Amino acid sequence: MAEAQCRTANTGATCITVPQREQPSNERTLGAAPVEIGTVLPRGRYTMVLNAGWYGLPPAKDGWVYFRIEDDVYRVDYESRKVLERATSETAANWP
C-alpha cells in the first residue's frame, strides 16, 4: 500500500514514509494549582499579565485582570486581589 501512495515510484525514485506525529491537543494538562480560588494575593508578589490577547486569552473585563502565578494564569479581582478562577487552560500555545 505504501508503494501505491508513492507518486514517484514509477520513475525509479525511492519512496520513503515520513512518520506522523500525534496531533497536539488543545487541552493542557494542568498540575496542582499553586494557589486556591478565593486566595487574596499579596500586592507586589505576582505579575499582572498584560497583552492577554497575545496569549489567546479573552480581554479582561468587569473589574478582573490576569495574573501569572508560577506557570499558571489566573483571573483576579483587580481591587481586592482575590483569585477568581484558573485560566491556564484557555491560553494559546505560546503561553510559557
N, C-alpha and C. Protein backbone atom coordinates (compact mmCIF):
# COMPACT_ATOMS: atom_id res chain seq x y z
N MET A 1 0.82 -1.19 0.00
CA MET A 1 0.00 0.00 0.00
C MET A 1 0.86 1.25 0.00
N ALA A 2 2.01 1.21 0.68
CA ALA A 2 2.89 2.37 0.70
C ALA A 2 3.36 2.72 -0.70
N GLU A 3 3.65 1.71 -1.51
CA GLU A 3 4.09 1.99 -2.87
C GLU A 3 2.97 2.59 -3.70
N ALA A 4 1.74 2.20 -3.44
CA ALA A 4 0.61 2.75 -4.19
C ALA A 4 0.45 4.24 -3.92
N GLN A 5 0.86 4.70 -2.75
CA GLN A 5 0.74 6.11 -2.39
C GLN A 5 1.95 6.91 -2.85
N CYS A 6 3.00 6.26 -3.27
CA CYS A 6 4.21 6.94 -3.68
C CYS A 6 4.06 7.35 -5.15
N ARG A 7 3.98 8.61 -5.42
CA ARG A 7 3.73 9.10 -6.77
C ARG A 7 4.94 9.01 -7.69
N THR A 8 6.11 8.87 -7.12
CA THR A 8 7.32 8.82 -7.96
C THR A 8 7.87 7.41 -8.11
N ALA A 9 7.17 6.41 -7.62
CA ALA A 9 7.67 5.03 -7.69
C ALA A 9 7.90 4.58 -9.12
N ASN A 10 7.05 5.00 -10.04
CA ASN A 10 7.20 4.55 -11.42
C ASN A 10 8.35 5.24 -12.16
N THR A 11 8.97 6.25 -11.55
CA THR A 11 10.11 6.94 -12.19
C THR A 11 11.44 6.33 -11.77
N GLY A 12 11.42 5.39 -10.87
CA GLY A 12 12.65 4.80 -10.39
C GLY A 12 13.16 5.46 -9.11
N ALA A 13 12.48 6.51 -8.67
CA ALA A 13 12.89 7.19 -7.44
C ALA A 13 12.51 6.34 -6.23
N THR A 14 13.26 6.50 -5.17
CA THR A 14 12.96 5.78 -3.93
C THR A 14 11.93 6.56 -3.13
N CYS A 15 10.99 5.86 -2.60
CA CYS A 15 9.96 6.50 -1.77
C CYS A 15 10.22 6.16 -0.31
N ILE A 16 9.96 7.12 0.53
CA ILE A 16 10.09 6.90 1.97
C ILE A 16 8.76 7.23 2.63
N THR A 17 8.57 6.75 3.81
CA THR A 17 7.39 7.06 4.59
C THR A 17 7.82 7.93 5.76
N VAL A 18 7.22 9.08 5.87
CA VAL A 18 7.53 10.01 6.96
C VAL A 18 6.65 9.66 8.14
N PRO A 19 7.26 9.44 9.32
CA PRO A 19 6.45 9.13 10.50
C PRO A 19 5.54 10.31 10.83
N GLN A 20 4.31 10.02 11.20
CA GLN A 20 3.34 11.06 11.55
C GLN A 20 3.33 11.27 13.05
N ARG A 21 3.35 12.55 13.43
CA ARG A 21 3.25 12.89 14.85
C ARG A 21 1.79 12.94 15.25
N GLU A 22 1.57 12.71 16.52
CA GLU A 22 0.22 12.86 17.03
C GLU A 22 -0.15 14.33 16.98
N GLN A 23 -1.40 14.61 16.72
CA GLN A 23 -1.87 15.99 16.69
C GLN A 23 -1.83 16.54 18.12
N PRO A 24 -1.29 17.76 18.28
CA PRO A 24 -1.27 18.33 19.63
C PRO A 24 -2.69 18.60 20.11
N SER A 25 -2.91 18.35 21.36
CA SER A 25 -4.22 18.58 21.94
C SER A 25 -4.34 20.03 22.37
N ASN A 26 -5.52 20.58 22.26
CA ASN A 26 -5.76 21.94 22.74
C ASN A 26 -5.90 21.96 24.26
N GLU A 27 -6.08 20.80 24.83
CA GLU A 27 -6.23 20.70 26.27
C GLU A 27 -4.85 20.64 26.93
N ARG A 28 -4.62 21.52 27.85
CA ARG A 28 -3.37 21.49 28.60
C ARG A 28 -3.54 20.57 29.80
N THR A 29 -2.51 19.83 30.10
CA THR A 29 -2.53 19.00 31.29
C THR A 29 -2.03 19.87 32.45
N LEU A 30 -2.92 20.15 33.35
CA LEU A 30 -2.59 21.04 34.45
C LEU A 30 -2.23 20.23 35.69
N GLY A 31 -1.20 20.65 36.34
CA GLY A 31 -0.80 20.02 37.59
C GLY A 31 -1.55 20.64 38.75
N ALA A 32 -1.00 20.47 39.90
CA ALA A 32 -1.61 21.04 41.10
C ALA A 32 -1.58 22.56 41.01
N ALA A 33 -2.65 23.19 41.45
CA ALA A 33 -2.74 24.65 41.41
C ALA A 33 -1.82 25.25 42.47
N PRO A 34 -1.05 26.28 42.09
CA PRO A 34 -0.17 26.91 43.07
C PRO A 34 -0.91 27.74 44.11
N VAL A 35 -2.13 28.19 43.78
CA VAL A 35 -2.96 28.91 44.75
C VAL A 35 -4.40 28.41 44.60
N GLU A 36 -5.19 28.58 45.62
CA GLU A 36 -6.58 28.15 45.59
C GLU A 36 -7.48 29.32 45.22
N ILE A 37 -8.62 29.00 44.63
CA ILE A 37 -9.62 30.01 44.32
C ILE A 37 -10.06 30.66 45.63
N GLY A 38 -10.16 31.96 45.65
CA GLY A 38 -10.55 32.68 46.86
C GLY A 38 -9.37 33.26 47.62
N THR A 39 -8.15 32.83 47.29
CA THR A 39 -6.96 33.36 47.95
C THR A 39 -6.79 34.83 47.60
N VAL A 40 -6.42 35.63 48.56
CA VAL A 40 -6.13 37.04 48.31
C VAL A 40 -4.62 37.16 48.10
N LEU A 41 -4.24 37.64 46.92
CA LEU A 41 -2.81 37.75 46.58
C LEU A 41 -2.18 38.96 47.24
N PRO A 42 -1.00 38.79 47.83
CA PRO A 42 -0.31 39.95 48.38
C PRO A 42 0.15 40.88 47.25
N ARG A 43 0.06 42.16 47.46
CA ARG A 43 0.46 43.13 46.44
C ARG A 43 1.96 43.05 46.19
N GLY A 44 2.33 43.13 44.92
CA GLY A 44 3.74 43.15 44.54
C GLY A 44 4.41 41.80 44.43
N ARG A 45 3.73 40.73 44.74
CA ARG A 45 4.37 39.41 44.71
C ARG A 45 4.24 38.72 43.35
N TYR A 46 3.13 38.94 42.64
CA TYR A 46 2.89 38.28 41.37
C TYR A 46 2.79 39.31 40.25
N THR A 47 2.94 38.84 39.02
CA THR A 47 2.96 39.72 37.86
C THR A 47 1.61 39.73 37.17
N MET A 48 1.13 40.93 36.86
CA MET A 48 -0.10 41.06 36.08
C MET A 48 0.22 40.76 34.63
N VAL A 49 -0.64 40.01 33.96
CA VAL A 49 -0.44 39.66 32.55
C VAL A 49 -1.04 40.77 31.69
N LEU A 50 -0.19 41.43 30.96
CA LEU A 50 -0.64 42.44 30.00
C LEU A 50 -0.67 41.78 28.63
N ASN A 51 -1.36 42.36 27.69
CA ASN A 51 -1.43 41.78 26.34
C ASN A 51 -2.06 40.39 26.37
N ALA A 52 -3.15 40.25 27.08
CA ALA A 52 -3.79 38.94 27.24
C ALA A 52 -4.14 38.31 25.89
N GLY A 53 -4.53 39.12 24.92
CA GLY A 53 -4.88 38.60 23.60
C GLY A 53 -3.73 37.88 22.93
N TRP A 54 -2.52 38.32 23.18
CA TRP A 54 -1.34 37.68 22.62
C TRP A 54 -1.24 36.22 23.07
N TYR A 55 -1.68 35.96 24.27
CA TYR A 55 -1.64 34.60 24.82
C TYR A 55 -2.94 33.83 24.59
N GLY A 56 -3.83 34.36 23.76
CA GLY A 56 -5.06 33.67 23.43
C GLY A 56 -6.17 33.84 24.44
N LEU A 57 -5.98 34.72 25.39
CA LEU A 57 -6.99 34.93 26.44
C LEU A 57 -7.99 36.00 26.02
N PRO A 58 -9.24 35.87 26.43
CA PRO A 58 -10.20 36.93 26.14
C PRO A 58 -9.83 38.20 26.91
N PRO A 59 -10.28 39.35 26.44
CA PRO A 59 -9.95 40.59 27.14
C PRO A 59 -10.47 40.59 28.58
N ALA A 60 -9.71 41.20 29.46
CA ALA A 60 -10.14 41.34 30.85
C ALA A 60 -11.30 42.33 30.90
N LYS A 61 -12.25 42.09 31.79
CA LYS A 61 -13.40 42.99 31.91
C LYS A 61 -14.03 42.84 33.28
N ASP A 62 -15.00 43.66 33.56
CA ASP A 62 -15.79 43.59 34.79
C ASP A 62 -14.95 43.65 36.06
N GLY A 63 -13.84 44.35 36.01
CA GLY A 63 -13.04 44.55 37.22
C GLY A 63 -12.03 43.48 37.55
N TRP A 64 -11.89 42.48 36.69
CA TRP A 64 -10.85 41.47 36.94
C TRP A 64 -9.74 41.61 35.92
N VAL A 65 -8.59 41.09 36.27
CA VAL A 65 -7.39 41.10 35.42
C VAL A 65 -6.74 39.72 35.50
N TYR A 66 -5.74 39.51 34.66
CA TYR A 66 -5.00 38.25 34.69
C TYR A 66 -3.71 38.42 35.48
N PHE A 67 -3.36 37.41 36.26
CA PHE A 67 -2.08 37.38 36.96
C PHE A 67 -1.37 36.07 36.64
N ARG A 68 -0.06 36.16 36.54
CA ARG A 68 0.76 34.96 36.39
C ARG A 68 1.20 34.53 37.79
N ILE A 69 0.91 33.27 38.09
CA ILE A 69 1.32 32.70 39.37
C ILE A 69 2.05 31.41 39.02
N GLU A 70 3.34 31.41 39.22
CA GLU A 70 4.23 30.35 38.75
C GLU A 70 4.05 30.21 37.24
N ASP A 71 3.66 29.03 36.73
CA ASP A 71 3.48 28.86 35.29
C ASP A 71 2.01 28.92 34.88
N ASP A 72 1.16 29.37 35.77
CA ASP A 72 -0.27 29.42 35.51
C ASP A 72 -0.76 30.86 35.38
N VAL A 73 -1.94 31.00 34.81
CA VAL A 73 -2.58 32.31 34.70
C VAL A 73 -3.94 32.23 35.40
N TYR A 74 -4.25 33.27 36.15
CA TYR A 74 -5.48 33.32 36.93
C TYR A 74 -6.22 34.62 36.67
N ARG A 75 -7.56 34.55 36.75
CA ARG A 75 -8.37 35.76 36.78
C ARG A 75 -8.42 36.20 38.24
N VAL A 76 -8.15 37.47 38.44
CA VAL A 76 -8.07 38.01 39.79
C VAL A 76 -8.83 39.34 39.83
N ASP A 77 -9.61 39.54 40.88
CA ASP A 77 -10.29 40.82 41.06
C ASP A 77 -9.24 41.90 41.27
N TYR A 78 -9.31 42.96 40.46
CA TYR A 78 -8.27 43.99 40.48
C TYR A 78 -8.19 44.71 41.82
N GLU A 79 -9.31 45.06 42.40
CA GLU A 79 -9.31 45.83 43.65
C GLU A 79 -8.92 44.99 44.86
N SER A 80 -9.56 43.84 45.02
CA SER A 80 -9.32 43.04 46.23
C SER A 80 -8.16 42.08 46.11
N ARG A 81 -7.71 41.80 44.86
CA ARG A 81 -6.66 40.82 44.55
C ARG A 81 -7.08 39.39 44.90
N LYS A 82 -8.39 39.15 44.96
CA LYS A 82 -8.92 37.82 45.26
C LYS A 82 -8.91 36.99 43.98
N VAL A 83 -8.38 35.75 44.06
CA VAL A 83 -8.30 34.84 42.92
C VAL A 83 -9.71 34.34 42.61
N LEU A 84 -10.14 34.56 41.36
CA LEU A 84 -11.48 34.19 40.94
C LEU A 84 -11.53 32.86 40.20
N GLU A 85 -10.49 32.60 39.37
CA GLU A 85 -10.55 31.42 38.51
C GLU A 85 -9.18 31.15 37.91
N ARG A 86 -8.89 29.88 37.70
CA ARG A 86 -7.67 29.46 36.99
C ARG A 86 -7.98 29.47 35.49
N ALA A 87 -7.17 30.18 34.71
CA ALA A 87 -7.45 30.35 33.28
C ALA A 87 -6.35 29.79 32.39
N THR A 88 -5.45 29.02 32.93
CA THR A 88 -4.32 28.49 32.16
C THR A 88 -4.78 27.68 30.96
N SER A 89 -5.84 26.91 31.11
CA SER A 89 -6.31 26.05 30.02
C SER A 89 -6.85 26.85 28.84
N GLU A 90 -7.10 28.14 29.02
CA GLU A 90 -7.60 28.99 27.95
C GLU A 90 -6.48 29.63 27.13
N THR A 91 -5.25 29.49 27.57
CA THR A 91 -4.15 30.17 26.89
C THR A 91 -3.77 29.47 25.59
N ALA A 92 -3.12 30.23 24.73
CA ALA A 92 -2.64 29.68 23.46
C ALA A 92 -1.33 28.93 23.68
N ALA A 93 -0.85 28.31 22.64
CA ALA A 93 0.38 27.50 22.72
C ALA A 93 1.60 28.34 23.08
N ASN A 94 1.55 29.65 22.89
CA ASN A 94 2.72 30.48 23.19
C ASN A 94 2.78 30.90 24.67
N TRP A 95 1.86 30.43 25.49
CA TRP A 95 1.97 30.71 26.93
C TRP A 95 3.14 29.91 27.46
N PRO A 96 4.05 30.57 28.18
CA PRO A 96 5.27 29.85 28.63
C PRO A 96 5.06 28.68 29.49
